[in-house]
Amino acid sequence: MAAIPFDIPHSLGRAEARRRIDAGLPKLAQHIPGGGTVDAEWTGPDALALAIVAMGQKVAVDMAVGEGNVSGTVKVPMMLAMMSGPIAEFVKTSAEKMLAKGA
């Protein structure tokens, strides 16, 4: 399994960043190329675990919402290793859009 870290700086504060991510999560599945599902669970006050299932494979994302950044790791299964870069970029870009839009 490939684990790809990401870090997204923001100036929203922890509560607003979490609110924006939470508001954007329901829309995330619509943007998965080829379709897929997204299960999200807040595992702590500022910790989010995502399970993105596409093409019969599960991509796990652990995310921490901080006062000035959102950081985490995208875990891509070996079957999708060739696409780990684009998958991680999709997750990061999606989080950036959620933070920017204030959904």
Protein backbone atom coordinates (compact mmCIF):
# COMPACT_ATOMS: atom_id res chain seq x y z
CA MET A 1 0.00 0.00 0.00
CA ALA A 2 1.36 3.40 -0.99
CA ALA A 3 0.94 6.15 1.62
CA ILE A 4 1.10 9.67 0.24
CA PRO A 5 1.13 12.60 2.68
CA PHE A 6 -0.47 15.96 1.96
CA ASP A 7 -0.63 19.33 3.69
CA ILE A 8 -2.99 22.18 2.82
CA PRO A 9 -2.43 25.52 4.52
CA HIS A 10 -5.44 27.72 5.27
CA SER A 11 -6.31 30.82 7.29
CA LEU A 12 -9.81 29.78 8.31
CA GLY A 13 -9.24 28.52 11.81
CA ARG A 14 -9.94 24.96 12.89
CA ALA A 15 -13.73 25.24 13.38
CA GLU A 16 -14.44 26.89 10.00
CA ALA A 17 -12.12 24.51 8.14
CA ARG A 18 -13.88 21.53 9.69
CA ARG A 19 -17.29 23.01 8.87
CA ARG A 20 -16.34 23.53 5.22
CA ILE A 21 -14.92 20.04 4.86
CA ASP A 22 -17.97 18.54 6.54
CA ALA A 23 -20.28 20.50 4.22
CA GLY A 24 -18.38 19.39 1.12
CA LEU A 25 -18.19 15.67 1.92
CA PRO A 26 -21.66 14.75 0.56
CA LYS A 27 -20.63 16.11 -2.87
CA LEU A 28 -17.30 14.28 -3.04
CA ALA A 29 -18.64 10.99 -4.48
CA GLN A 30 -20.08 12.81 -7.52
CA HIS A 31 -16.58 13.83 -8.57
CA ILE A 32 -14.94 10.40 -8.49
CA PRO A 33 -13.99 9.48 -12.06
CA GLY A 34 -15.95 6.38 -13.05
CA GLY A 35 -18.19 6.68 -9.97
CA GLY A 36 -17.67 5.49 -6.45
CA THR A 37 -18.72 5.83 -2.86
CA VAL A 38 -17.36 7.82 0.04
CA ASP A 39 -17.78 6.92 3.70
CA ALA A 40 -16.63 9.58 6.15
CA GLU A 41 -16.34 9.38 9.92
CA TRP A 42 -15.06 11.99 12.33
CA THR A 43 -12.92 9.85 14.64
CA GLY A 44 -12.08 12.74 16.96
CA PRO A 45 -12.86 16.42 17.26
CA ASP A 46 -10.55 17.24 14.35
CA ALA A 47 -9.71 13.85 12.83
CA LEU A 48 -11.50 12.52 9.76
CA ALA A 49 -11.28 9.03 8.27
CA LEU A 50 -12.47 8.59 4.68
CA ALA A 51 -12.99 5.37 2.78
CA ILE A 52 -13.28 6.03 -0.95
CA VAL A 53 -14.32 2.98 -2.95
CA ALA A 54 -13.88 3.04 -6.73
CA MET A 55 -13.22 0.33 -9.29
CA GLY A 56 -13.66 -2.27 -6.55
CA GLN A 57 -10.73 -0.84 -4.57
CA LYS A 58 -10.70 1.09 -1.30
CA VAL A 59 -8.57 4.19 -0.84
CA ALA A 60 -8.24 5.23 2.81
CA VAL A 61 -7.65 8.84 3.81
CA ASP A 62 -6.76 10.01 7.30
CA MET A 63 -7.09 13.75 7.72
CA ALA A 64 -6.38 16.12 10.61
CA VAL A 65 -7.87 19.61 10.66
CA GLY A 66 -5.56 22.11 12.30
CA GLU A 67 -5.82 25.80 13.12
CA GLY A 68 -3.79 26.74 10.02
CA ASN A 69 -3.61 23.58 7.92
CA VAL A 70 -5.29 20.33 6.94
CA SER A 71 -2.87 17.44 6.75
CA GLY A 72 -3.17 13.75 6.22
CA THR A 73 -2.26 10.64 4.34
CA VAL A 74 -3.84 8.97 1.31
CA LYS A 75 -3.38 5.19 1.38
CA VAL A 76 -3.66 3.62 -2.06
CA PRO A 77 -3.85 -0.20 -2.44
CA MET A 78 -1.22 -1.98 -4.54
CA MET A 79 -3.78 -2.70 -7.26
CA LEU A 80 -3.99 1.05 -7.90
CA ALA A 81 -0.32 1.86 -7.27
CA MET A 82 0.16 3.08 -10.84
CA MET A 83 -2.50 5.71 -10.20
CA SER A 84 -1.42 6.69 -6.67
CA GLY A 85 -0.22 10.15 -7.75
CA PRO A 86 -3.44 11.17 -9.51
CA ILE A 87 -5.56 9.66 -6.72
CA ALA A 88 -3.68 11.58 -4.03
CA GLU A 89 -3.91 14.76 -6.12
CA PHE A 90 -7.69 14.26 -6.49
CA VAL A 91 -8.07 14.01 -2.70
CA LYS A 92 -5.88 17.06 -2.07
CA THR A 93 -7.59 19.16 -4.77
CA SER A 94 -11.02 18.16 -3.46
CA ALA A 95 -10.09 19.25 0.07
CA GLU A 96 -8.67 22.53 -1.26
CA LYS A 97 -11.93 23.23 -3.09
CA MET A 98 -13.99 22.48 0.04
CA LEU A 99 -11.86 24.89 2.07
CA ALA A 100 -12.01 27.61 -0.60
CA LYS A 101 -15.73 27.49 -1.33
CA GLY A 102 -17.12 27.44 2.14
CA ALA A 103 -19.82 25.10 0.87
